[in-house]
Amino acid sequence: MASRPPGPATTLIVSPRGQITLPKLVRARLRLVPGSILLLREEAGKIVLDPAAVTPVSHYTDEEIERLVGADRVSPRERAALRRRWGLKVGARRRRRG
């Protein structure tokens, strides 16, 4: 995210529960909505808040994983084409160590 010039100082009051409210203009400017996640760090005696980039995580069942792995397999014809493209012998197979 590009660095912005600092805006005017705003006074915030820490509640008895340790909470603060970000001013509406700041929330709008940074596109913060309810549920937005911020990262807090201390830097040279100052509090710095950064919007966090959040990537959703999916949980798959064993059956779904098996289906995805099966769908990702390469057919013998595709394997031969890839081996030719990579300059490998088409019929050769790598030996597995046992």
PDB file of N, CA and C in Angstrom:
ATOM      1  N   MET A   1       0.851  -1.169   0.000  1.00  0.00           N
ATOM      2  CA  MET A   1       0.000   0.000   0.000  1.00  0.00           C
ATOM      3  C   MET A   1       0.895   1.229   0.000  1.00  0.00           C
ATOM      4  N   ALA A   2       0.570   2.229  -0.811  1.00  0.00           N
ATOM      5  CA  ALA A   2       1.376   3.434  -0.896  1.00  0.00           C
ATOM      6  C   ALA A   2       1.266   4.239   0.387  1.00  0.00           C
ATOM      7  N   SER A   3       2.360   4.830   0.754  1.00  0.00           N
ATOM      8  CA  SER A   3       2.391   5.628   1.974  1.00  0.00           C
ATOM      9  C   SER A   3       1.681   6.955   1.728  1.00  0.00           C
ATOM     10  N   ARG A   4       0.852   7.359   2.670  1.00  0.00           N
ATOM     11  CA  ARG A   4       0.131   8.631   2.559  1.00  0.00           C
ATOM     12  C   ARG A   4       0.745   9.633   3.506  1.00  0.00           C
ATOM     13  N   PRO A   5       0.665  10.889   3.143  1.00  0.00           N
ATOM     14  CA  PRO A   5       1.156  11.888   4.093  1.00  0.00           C
ATOM     15  C   PRO A   5       0.294  11.854   5.346  1.00  0.00           C
ATOM     16  N   PRO A   6       0.889  12.089   6.502  1.00  0.00           N
ATOM     17  CA  PRO A   6       0.095  12.050   7.734  1.00  0.00           C
ATOM     18  C   PRO A   6      -1.002  13.099   7.724  1.00  0.00           C
ATOM     19  N   GLY A   7      -2.169  12.712   8.226  1.00  0.00           N
ATOM     20  CA  GLY A   7      -3.286  13.648   8.332  1.00  0.00           C
ATOM     21  C   GLY A   7      -3.194  14.411   9.634  1.00  0.00           C
ATOM     22  N   PRO A   8      -4.156  15.261   9.872  1.00  0.00           N
ATOM     23  CA  PRO A   8      -4.138  16.019  11.125  1.00  0.00           C
ATOM     24  C   PRO A   8      -4.306  15.082  12.322  1.00  0.00           C
ATOM     25  N   ALA A   9      -3.709  15.447  13.430  1.00  0.00           N
ATOM     26  CA  ALA A   9      -3.814  14.633  14.647  1.00  0.00           C
ATOM     27  C   ALA A   9      -5.251  14.659  15.158  1.00  0.00           C
ATOM     28  N   THR A  10      -5.706  13.525  15.626  1.00  0.00           N
ATOM     29  CA  THR A  10      -7.041  13.384  16.201  1.00  0.00           C
ATOM     30  C   THR A  10      -6.887  12.794  17.590  1.00  0.00           C
ATOM     31  N   THR A  11      -7.641  13.327  18.538  1.00  0.00           N
ATOM     32  CA  THR A  11      -7.583  12.811  19.895  1.00  0.00           C
ATOM     33  C   THR A  11      -8.556  11.657  20.032  1.00  0.00           C
ATOM     34  N   LEU A  12      -8.050  10.516  20.506  1.00  0.00           N
ATOM     35  CA  LEU A  12      -8.883   9.352  20.770  1.00  0.00           C
ATOM     36  C   LEU A  12      -8.800   9.053  22.256  1.00  0.00           C
ATOM     37  N   ILE A  13      -9.882   8.578  22.820  1.00  0.00           N
ATOM     38  CA  ILE A  13      -9.919   8.251  24.247  1.00  0.00           C
ATOM     39  C   ILE A  13     -10.034   6.739  24.386  1.00  0.00           C
ATOM     40  N   VAL A  14      -9.183   6.174  25.200  1.00  0.00           N
ATOM     41  CA  VAL A  14      -9.206   4.739  25.451  1.00  0.00           C
ATOM     42  C   VAL A  14     -10.287   4.469  26.488  1.00  0.00           C
ATOM     43  N   SER A  15     -11.203   3.554  26.164  1.00  0.00           N
ATOM     44  CA  SER A  15     -12.305   3.211  27.079  1.00  0.00           C
ATOM     45  C   SER A  15     -11.767   2.373  28.235  1.00  0.00           C
ATOM     46  N   PRO A  16     -12.581   2.192  29.269  1.00  0.00           N
ATOM     47  CA  PRO A  16     -12.164   1.335  30.385  1.00  0.00           C
ATOM     48  C   PRO A  16     -11.815  -0.094  29.940  1.00  0.00           C
ATOM     49  N   ARG A  17     -12.355  -0.533  28.813  1.00  0.00           N
ATOM     50  CA  ARG A  17     -12.053  -1.877  28.298  1.00  0.00           C
ATOM     51  C   ARG A  17     -10.874  -1.859  27.334  1.00  0.00           C
ATOM     52  N   GLY A  18     -10.199  -0.710  27.179  1.00  0.00           N
ATOM     53  CA  GLY A  18      -9.037  -0.612  26.304  1.00  0.00           C
ATOM     54  C   GLY A  18      -9.381  -0.392  24.845  1.00  0.00           C
ATOM     55  N   GLN A  19     -10.593   0.019  24.554  1.00  0.00           N
ATOM     56  CA  GLN A  19     -11.037   0.193  23.177  1.00  0.00           C
ATOM     57  C   GLN A  19     -10.926   1.644  22.747  1.00  0.00           C
ATOM     58  N   ILE A  20     -10.736   1.831  21.412  1.00  0.00           N
ATOM     59  CA  ILE A  20     -10.781   3.161  20.817  1.00  0.00           C
ATOM     60  C   ILE A  20     -11.731   3.086  19.628  1.00  0.00           C
ATOM     61  N   THR A  21     -12.219   4.218  19.192  1.00  0.00           N
ATOM     62  CA  THR A  21     -13.068   4.285  18.005  1.00  0.00           C
ATOM     63  C   THR A  21     -12.315   5.062  16.947  1.00  0.00           C
ATOM     64  N   LEU A  22     -12.164   4.457  15.769  1.00  0.00           N
ATOM     65  CA  LEU A  22     -11.515   5.149  14.664  1.00  0.00           C
ATOM     66  C   LEU A  22     -12.512   6.133  14.059  1.00  0.00           C
ATOM     67  N   PRO A  23     -12.080   7.358  13.802  1.00  0.00           N
ATOM     68  CA  PRO A  23     -12.997   8.348  13.229  1.00  0.00           C
ATOM     69  C   PRO A  23     -13.574   7.877  11.887  1.00  0.00           C
ATOM     70  N   LYS A  24     -14.808   8.271  11.617  1.00  0.00           N
ATOM     71  CA  LYS A  24     -15.516   7.856  10.407  1.00  0.00           C
ATOM     72  C   LYS A  24     -14.748   8.210   9.139  1.00  0.00           C
ATOM     73  N   LEU A  25     -14.156   9.400   9.087  1.00  0.00           N
ATOM     74  CA  LEU A  25     -13.415   9.809   7.889  1.00  0.00           C
ATOM     75  C   LEU A  25     -12.208   8.901   7.644  1.00  0.00           C
ATOM     76  N   VAL A  26     -11.537   8.492   8.706  1.00  0.00           N
ATOM     77  CA  VAL A  26     -10.391   7.587   8.567  1.00  0.00           C
ATOM     78  C   VAL A  26     -10.873   6.230   8.071  1.00  0.00           C
ATOM     79  N   ARG A  27     -11.956   5.713   8.666  1.00  0.00           N
ATOM     80  CA  ARG A  27     -12.503   4.423   8.234  1.00  0.00           C
ATOM     81  C   ARG A  27     -12.908   4.474   6.766  1.00  0.00           C
ATOM     82  N   ALA A  28     -13.535   5.562   6.357  1.00  0.00           N
ATOM     83  CA  ALA A  28     -13.966   5.693   4.959  1.00  0.00           C
ATOM     84  C   ALA A  28     -12.758   5.793   4.029  1.00  0.00           C
ATOM     85  N   ARG A  29     -11.778   6.594   4.402  1.00  0.00           N
ATOM     86  CA  ARG A  29     -10.591   6.790   3.559  1.00  0.00           C
ATOM     87  C   ARG A  29      -9.819   5.479   3.376  1.00  0.00           C
ATOM     88  N   LEU A  30      -9.760   4.669   4.433  1.00  0.00           N
ATOM     89  CA  LEU A  30      -9.032   3.401   4.376  1.00  0.00           C
ATOM     90  C   LEU A  30      -9.921   2.223   4.006  1.00  0.00           C
ATOM     91  N   ARG A  31     -11.203   2.518   3.717  1.00  0.00           N
ATOM     92  CA  ARG A  31     -12.184   1.491   3.334  1.00  0.00           C
ATOM     93  C   ARG A  31     -12.303   0.390   4.385  1.00  0.00           C
ATOM     94  N   LEU A  32     -12.345   0.797   5.631  1.00  0.00           N
ATOM     95  CA  LEU A  32     -12.521  -0.144   6.736  1.00  0.00           C
ATOM     96  C   LEU A  32     -14.012  -0.291   7.011  1.00  0.00           C
ATOM     97  N   VAL A  33     -14.461  -1.512   7.091  1.00  0.00           N
ATOM     98  CA  VAL A  33     -15.868  -1.804   7.350  1.00  0.00           C
ATOM     99  C   VAL A  33     -15.934  -2.690   8.591  1.00  0.00           C
ATOM    100  N   PRO A  34     -17.115  -2.836   9.190  1.00  0.00           N
ATOM    101  CA  PRO A  34     -17.208  -3.744  10.334  1.00  0.00           C
ATOM    102  C   PRO A  34     -16.667  -5.122   9.958  1.00  0.00           C
ATOM    103  N   GLY A  35     -15.800  -5.655  10.792  1.00  0.00           N
ATOM    104  CA  GLY A  35     -15.179  -6.941  10.522  1.00  0.00           C
ATOM    105  C   GLY A  35     -13.809  -6.835   9.867  1.00  0.00           C
ATOM    106  N   SER A  36     -13.409  -5.615   9.452  1.00  0.00           N
ATOM    107  CA  SER A  36     -12.066  -5.445   8.885  1.00  0.00           C
ATOM    108  C   SER A  36     -11.031  -5.836   9.928  1.00  0.00           C
ATOM    109  N   ILE A  37      -9.935  -6.379   9.471  1.00  0.00           N
ATOM    110  CA  ILE A  37      -8.880  -6.819  10.379  1.00  0.00           C
ATOM    111  C   ILE A  37      -7.686  -5.879  10.253  1.00  0.00           C
ATOM    112  N   LEU A  38      -7.182  -5.452  11.401  1.00  0.00           N
ATOM    113  CA  LEU A  38      -6.023  -4.558  11.441  1.00  0.00           C
ATOM    114  C   LEU A  38      -4.875  -5.253  12.163  1.00  0.00           C
ATOM    115  N   LEU A  39      -3.667  -4.933  11.759  1.00  0.00           N
ATOM    116  CA  LEU A  39      -2.476  -5.407  12.445  1.00  0.00           C
ATOM    117  C   LEU A  39      -1.941  -4.261  13.285  1.00  0.00           C
ATOM    118  N   LEU A  40      -1.634  -4.534  14.552  1.00  0.00           N
ATOM    119  CA  LEU A  40      -1.100  -3.516  15.450  1.00  0.00           C
ATOM    120  C   LEU A  40       0.352  -3.856  15.749  1.00  0.00           C
ATOM    121  N   ARG A  41       1.212  -2.835  15.684  1.00  0.00           N
ATOM    122  CA  ARG A  41       2.598  -3.017  16.091  1.00  0.00           C
ATOM    123  C   ARG A  41       3.077  -1.761  16.784  1.00  0.00           C
ATOM    124  N   GLU A  42       4.055  -1.942  17.630  1.00  0.00           N
ATOM    125  CA  GLU A  42       4.690  -0.800  18.286  1.00  0.00           C
ATOM    126  C   GLU A  42       5.940  -0.463  17.498  1.00  0.00           C
ATOM    127  N   GLU A  43       6.131   0.809  17.243  1.00  0.00           N
ATOM    128  CA  GLU A  43       7.279   1.245  16.454  1.00  0.00           C
ATOM    129  C   GLU A  43       7.837   2.519  17.064  1.00  0.00           C
ATOM    130  N   ALA A  44       8.999   2.414  17.662  1.00  0.00           N
ATOM    131  CA  ALA A  44       9.666   3.560  18.276  1.00  0.00           C
ATOM    132  C   ALA A  44       8.741   4.291  19.247  1.00  0.00           C
ATOM    133  N   GLY A  45       8.045   3.523  20.100  1.00  0.00           N
ATOM    134  CA  GLY A  45       7.179   4.124  21.103  1.00  0.00           C
ATOM    135  C   GLY A  45       5.847   4.606  20.567  1.00  0.00           C
ATOM    136  N   LYS A  46       5.513   4.262  19.324  1.00  0.00           N
ATOM    137  CA  LYS A  46       4.239   4.663  18.726  1.00  0.00           C
ATOM    138  C   LYS A  46       3.425   3.424  18.398  1.00  0.00           C
ATOM    139  N   ILE A  47       2.116   3.598  18.311  1.00  0.00           N
ATOM    140  CA  ILE A  47       1.213   2.530  17.904  1.00  0.00           C
ATOM    141  C   ILE A  47       0.928   2.717  16.422  1.00  0.00           C
ATOM    142  N   VAL A  48       1.144   1.665  15.649  1.00  0.00           N
ATOM    143  CA  VAL A  48       0.900   1.713  14.211  1.00  0.00           C
ATOM    144  C   VAL A  48      -0.134   0.642  13.878  1.00  0.00           C
ATOM    145  N   LEU A  49      -1.196   1.035  13.200  1.00  0.00           N
ATOM    146  CA  LEU A  49      -2.233   0.109  12.747  1.00  0.00           C
ATOM    147  C   LEU A  49      -2.172   0.012  11.229  1.00  0.00           C
ATOM    148  N   ASP A  50      -2.162  -1.201  10.710  1.00  0.00           N
ATOM    149  CA  ASP A  50      -2.168  -1.422   9.264  1.00  0.00           C
ATOM    150  C   ASP A  50      -3.330  -2.330   8.910  1.00  0.00           C
ATOM    151  N   PRO A  51      -4.058  -2.019   7.821  1.00  0.00           N
ATOM    152  CA  PRO A  51      -5.081  -2.951   7.363  1.00  0.00           C
ATOM    153  C   PRO A  51      -4.404  -4.262   6.968  1.00  0.00           C
ATOM    154  N   ALA A  52      -5.002  -5.383   7.323  1.00  0.00           N
ATOM    155  CA  ALA A  52      -4.429  -6.694   7.021  1.00  0.00           C
ATOM    156  C   ALA A  52      -5.033  -7.240   5.738  1.00  0.00           C
ATOM    157  N   ALA A  53      -4.207  -7.918   4.959  1.00  0.00           N
ATOM    158  CA  ALA A  53      -4.700  -8.655   3.797  1.00  0.00           C
ATOM    159  C   ALA A  53      -5.076 -10.040   4.299  1.00  0.00           C
ATOM    160  N   VAL A  54      -6.325 -10.410   4.132  1.00  0.00           N
ATOM    161  CA  VAL A  54      -6.819 -11.683   4.651  1.00  0.00           C
ATOM    162  C   VAL A  54      -7.176 -12.588   3.483  1.00  0.00           C
ATOM    163  N   THR A  55      -6.669 -13.803   3.541  1.00  0.00           N
ATOM    164  CA  THR A  55      -6.964 -14.800   2.517  1.00  0.00           C
ATOM    165  C   THR A  55      -7.872 -15.853   3.129  1.00  0.00           C
ATOM    166  N   PRO A  56      -9.045 -16.068   2.541  1.00  0.00           N
ATOM    167  CA  PRO A  56      -9.926 -17.084   3.090  1.00  0.00           C
ATOM    168  C   PRO A  56      -9.302 -18.473   2.979  1.00  0.00           C
ATOM    169  N   VAL A  57      -9.523 -19.287   3.951  1.00  0.00           N
ATOM    170  CA  VAL A  57      -8.998 -20.649   3.972  1.00  0.00           C
ATOM    171  C   VAL A  57     -10.174 -21.613   3.894  1.00  0.00           C
ATOM    172  N   SER A  58     -10.040 -22.603   3.030  1.00  0.00           N
ATOM    173  CA  SER A  58     -11.080 -23.614   2.899  1.00  0.00           C
ATOM    174  C   SER A  58     -10.611 -24.906   3.541  1.00  0.00           C
ATOM    175  N   HIS A  59     -11.508 -25.594   4.172  1.00  0.00           N
ATOM    176  CA  HIS A  59     -11.217 -26.891   4.755  1.00  0.00           C
ATOM    177  C   HIS A  59     -11.904 -27.945   3.893  1.00  0.00           C
ATOM    178  N   TYR A  60     -11.145 -28.966   3.504  1.00  0.00           N
ATOM    179  CA  TYR A  60     -11.679 -30.007   2.645  1.00  0.00           C
ATOM    180  C   TYR A  60     -11.755 -31.330   3.394  1.00  0.00           C
ATOM    181  N   THR A  61     -12.761 -32.109   3.071  1.00  0.00           N
ATOM    182  CA  THR A  61     -12.866 -33.452   3.643  1.00  0.00           C
ATOM    183  C   THR A  61     -11.876 -34.359   2.910  1.00  0.00           C
ATOM    184  N   ASP A  62     -11.606 -35.526   3.470  1.00  0.00           N
ATOM    185  CA  ASP A  62     -10.716 -36.490   2.827  1.00  0.00           C
ATOM    186  C   ASP A  62     -11.237 -36.886   1.450  1.00  0.00           C
ATOM    187  N   GLU A  63     -12.553 -37.011   1.318  1.00  0.00           N
ATOM    188  CA  GLU A  63     -13.151 -37.375   0.033  1.00  0.00           C
ATOM    189  C   GLU A  63     -12.927 -36.276  -1.005  1.00  0.00           C
ATOM    190  N   GLU A  64     -13.088 -35.014  -0.590  1.00  0.00           N
ATOM    191  CA  GLU A  64     -12.863 -33.907  -1.520  1.00  0.00           C
ATOM    192  C   GLU A  64     -11.405 -33.851  -1.954  1.00  0.00           C
ATOM    193  N   ILE A  65     -10.488 -34.071  -1.034  1.00  0.00           N
ATOM    194  CA  ILE A  65      -9.058 -34.062  -1.370  1.00  0.00           C
ATOM    195  C   ILE A  65      -8.751 -35.173  -2.367  1.00  0.00           C
ATOM    196  N   GLU A  66      -9.299 -36.367  -2.129  1.00  0.00           N
ATOM    197  CA  GLU A  66      -9.081 -37.488  -3.043  1.00  0.00           C
ATOM    198  C   GLU A  66      -9.611 -37.166  -4.435  1.00  0.00           C
ATOM    199  N   ARG A  67     -10.781 -36.553  -4.504  1.00  0.00           N
ATOM    200  CA  ARG A  67     -11.363 -36.171  -5.803  1.00  0.00           C
ATOM    201  C   ARG A  67     -10.485 -35.145  -6.513  1.00  0.00           C
ATOM    202  N   LEU A  68      -9.991 -34.141  -5.777  1.00  0.00           N
ATOM    203  CA  LEU A  68      -9.140 -33.102  -6.376  1.00  0.00           C
ATOM    204  C   LEU A  68      -7.818 -33.682  -6.873  1.00  0.00           C
ATOM    205  N   VAL A  69      -7.214 -34.569  -6.087  1.00  0.00           N
ATOM    206  CA  VAL A  69      -5.956 -35.196  -6.502  1.00  0.00           C
ATOM    207  C   VAL A  69      -6.181 -36.030  -7.758  1.00  0.00           C
ATOM    208  N   GLY A  70      -7.286 -36.767  -7.790  1.00  0.00           N
ATOM    209  CA  GLY A  70      -7.597 -37.580  -8.970  1.00  0.00           C
ATOM    210  C   GLY A  70      -7.809 -36.724 -10.206  1.00  0.00           C
ATOM    211  N   ALA A  71      -8.479 -35.597 -10.056  1.00  0.00           N
ATOM    212  CA  ALA A  71      -8.746 -34.705 -11.184  1.00  0.00           C
ATOM    213  C   ALA A  71      -7.477 -34.009 -11.665  1.00  0.00           C
ATOM    214  N   ASP A  72      -6.454 -33.963 -10.821  1.00  0.00           N
ATOM    215  CA  ASP A  72      -5.212 -33.261 -11.170  1.00  0.00           C
ATOM    216  C   ASP A  72      -4.201 -34.183 -11.855  1.00  0.00           C
ATOM    217  N   ARG A  73      -4.511 -35.463 -11.961  1.00  0.00           N
ATOM    218  CA  ARG A  73      -3.578 -36.410 -12.565  1.00  0.00           C
ATOM    219  C   ARG A  73      -3.452 -36.153 -14.070  1.00  0.00           C
ATOM    220  N   VAL A  74      -2.273 -36.472 -14.600  1.00  0.00           N
ATOM    221  CA  VAL A  74      -1.990 -36.283 -16.022  1.00  0.00           C
ATOM    222  C   VAL A  74      -2.228 -37.605 -16.741  1.00  0.00           C
ATOM    223  N   SER A  75      -2.901 -37.528 -17.877  1.00  0.00           N
ATOM    224  CA  SER A  75      -3.151 -38.748 -18.659  1.00  0.00           C
ATOM    225  C   SER A  75      -1.841 -39.194 -19.309  1.00  0.00           C
ATOM    226  N   PRO A  76      -1.752 -40.470 -19.701  1.00  0.00           N
ATOM    227  CA  PRO A  76      -0.531 -40.944 -20.369  1.00  0.00           C
ATOM    228  C   PRO A  76      -0.183 -40.126 -21.611  1.00  0.00           C
ATOM    229  N   ARG A  77      -1.177 -39.724 -22.358  1.00  0.00           N
ATOM    230  CA  ARG A  77      -0.934 -38.915 -23.571  1.00  0.00           C
ATOM    231  C   ARG A  77      -0.348 -37.545 -23.192  1.00  0.00           C
ATOM    232  N   GLU A  78      -0.932 -36.901 -22.164  1.00  0.00           N
ATOM    233  CA  GLU A  78      -0.408 -35.604 -21.710  1.00  0.00           C
ATOM    234  C   GLU A  78       1.004 -35.755 -21.152  1.00  0.00           C
ATOM    235  N   ARG A  79       1.239 -36.869 -20.430  1.00  0.00           N
ATOM    236  CA  ARG A  79       2.568 -37.118 -19.860  1.00  0.00           C
ATOM    237  C   ARG A  79       3.608 -37.242 -20.976  1.00  0.00           C
ATOM    238  N   ALA A  80       3.277 -37.975 -22.048  1.00  0.00           N
ATOM    239  CA  ALA A  80       4.207 -38.144 -23.170  1.00  0.00           C
ATOM    240  C   ALA A  80       4.496 -36.802 -23.839  1.00  0.00           C
ATOM    241  N   ALA A  81       3.460 -35.981 -24.007  1.00  0.00           N
ATOM    242  CA  ALA A  81       3.658 -34.662 -24.622  1.00  0.00           C
ATOM    243  C   ALA A  81       4.562 -33.792 -23.756  1.00  0.00           C
ATOM    244  N   LEU A  82       4.369 -33.844 -22.444  1.00  0.00           N
ATOM    245  CA  LEU A  82       5.216 -33.059 -21.544  1.00  0.00           C
ATOM    246  C   LEU A  82       6.658 -33.546 -21.584  1.00  0.00           C
ATOM    247  N   ARG A  83       6.855 -34.860 -21.589  1.00  0.00           N
ATOM    248  CA  ARG A  83       8.219 -35.411 -21.632  1.00  0.00           C
ATOM    249  C   ARG A  83       8.920 -34.990 -22.924  1.00  0.00           C
ATOM    250  N   ARG A  84       8.189 -34.998 -24.067  1.00  0.00           N
ATOM    251  CA  ARG A  84       8.785 -34.536 -25.325  1.00  0.00           C
ATOM    252  C   ARG A  84       9.163 -33.065 -25.225  1.00  0.00           C
ATOM    253  N   ARG A  85       8.257 -32.252 -24.669  1.00  0.00           N
ATOM    254  CA  ARG A  85       8.504 -30.821 -24.541  1.00  0.00           C
ATOM    255  C   ARG A  85       9.735 -30.553 -23.661  1.00  0.00           C
ATOM    256  N   TRP A  86       9.918 -31.357 -22.629  1.00  0.00           N
ATOM    257  CA  TRP A  86      11.027 -31.168 -21.702  1.00  0.00           C
ATOM    258  C   TRP A  86      12.306 -31.852 -22.168  1.00  0.00           C
ATOM    259  N   GLY A  87      12.237 -32.536 -23.326  1.00  0.00           N
ATOM    260  CA  GLY A  87      13.425 -33.191 -23.859  1.00  0.00           C
ATOM    261  C   GLY A  87      13.770 -34.484 -23.149  1.00  0.00           C
ATOM    262  N   LEU A  88      12.794 -35.146 -22.552  1.00  0.00           N
ATOM    263  CA  LEU A  88      13.020 -36.415 -21.862  1.00  0.00           C
ATOM    264  C   LEU A  88      12.564 -37.556 -22.753  1.00  0.00           C
ATOM    265  N   LYS A  89      13.113 -38.730 -22.545  1.00  0.00           N
ATOM    266  CA  LYS A  89      12.689 -39.902 -23.308  1.00  0.00           C
ATOM    267  C   LYS A  89      11.232 -40.200 -22.962  1.00  0.00           C
ATOM    268  N   VAL A  90      10.444 -40.394 -23.990  1.00  0.00           N
ATOM    269  CA  VAL A  90       9.008 -40.561 -23.791  1.00  0.00           C
ATOM    270  C   VAL A  90       8.688 -41.850 -23.056  1.00  0.00           C
ATOM    271  N   GLY A  91       9.355 -42.950 -23.384  1.00  0.00           N
ATOM    272  CA  GLY A  91       9.020 -44.225 -22.761  1.00  0.00           C
ATOM    273  C   GLY A  91       9.740 -44.466 -21.442  1.00  0.00           C
ATOM    274  N   ALA A  92      10.735 -43.656 -21.129  1.00  0.00           N
ATOM    275  CA  ALA A  92      11.555 -43.912 -19.943  1.00  0.00           C
ATOM    276  C   ALA A  92      10.813 -43.519 -18.680  1.00  0.00           C
ATOM    277  N   ARG A  93      11.033 -44.317 -17.637  1.00  0.00           N
ATOM    278  CA  ARG A  93      10.463 -44.005 -16.325  1.00  0.00           C
ATOM    279  C   ARG A  93      11.593 -43.942 -15.330  1.00  0.00           C
ATOM    280  N   ARG A  94      11.427 -43.087 -14.369  1.00  0.00           N
ATOM    281  CA  ARG A  94      12.421 -42.945 -13.316  1.00  0.00           C
ATOM    282  C   ARG A  94      12.285 -44.118 -12.354  1.00  0.00           C
ATOM    283  N   ARG A  95      13.397 -44.654 -11.942  1.00  0.00           N
ATOM    284  CA  ARG A  95      13.362 -45.752 -10.972  1.00  0.00           C
ATOM    285  C   ARG A  95      13.116 -45.203  -9.588  1.00  0.00           C
ATOM    286  N   ARG A  96      12.292 -45.897  -8.856  1.00  0.00           N
ATOM    287  CA  ARG A  96      12.036 -45.519  -7.467  1.00  0.00           C
ATOM    288  C   ARG A  96      13.015 -46.248  -6.566  1.00  0.00           C
ATOM    289  N   ARG A  97      13.492 -45.524  -5.585  1.00  0.00           N
ATOM    290  CA  ARG A  97      14.359 -46.166  -4.604  1.00  0.00           C
ATOM    291  C   ARG A  97      13.502 -46.883  -3.583  1.00  0.00           C
ATOM    292  N   GLY A  98      13.883 -48.066  -3.235  1.00  0.00           N
ATOM    293  CA  GLY A  98      13.070 -48.842  -2.313  1.00  0.00           C
ATOM    294  C   GLY A  98      13.745 -49.023  -1.051  1.00  0.00           C
TER     295      GLY A  98
END
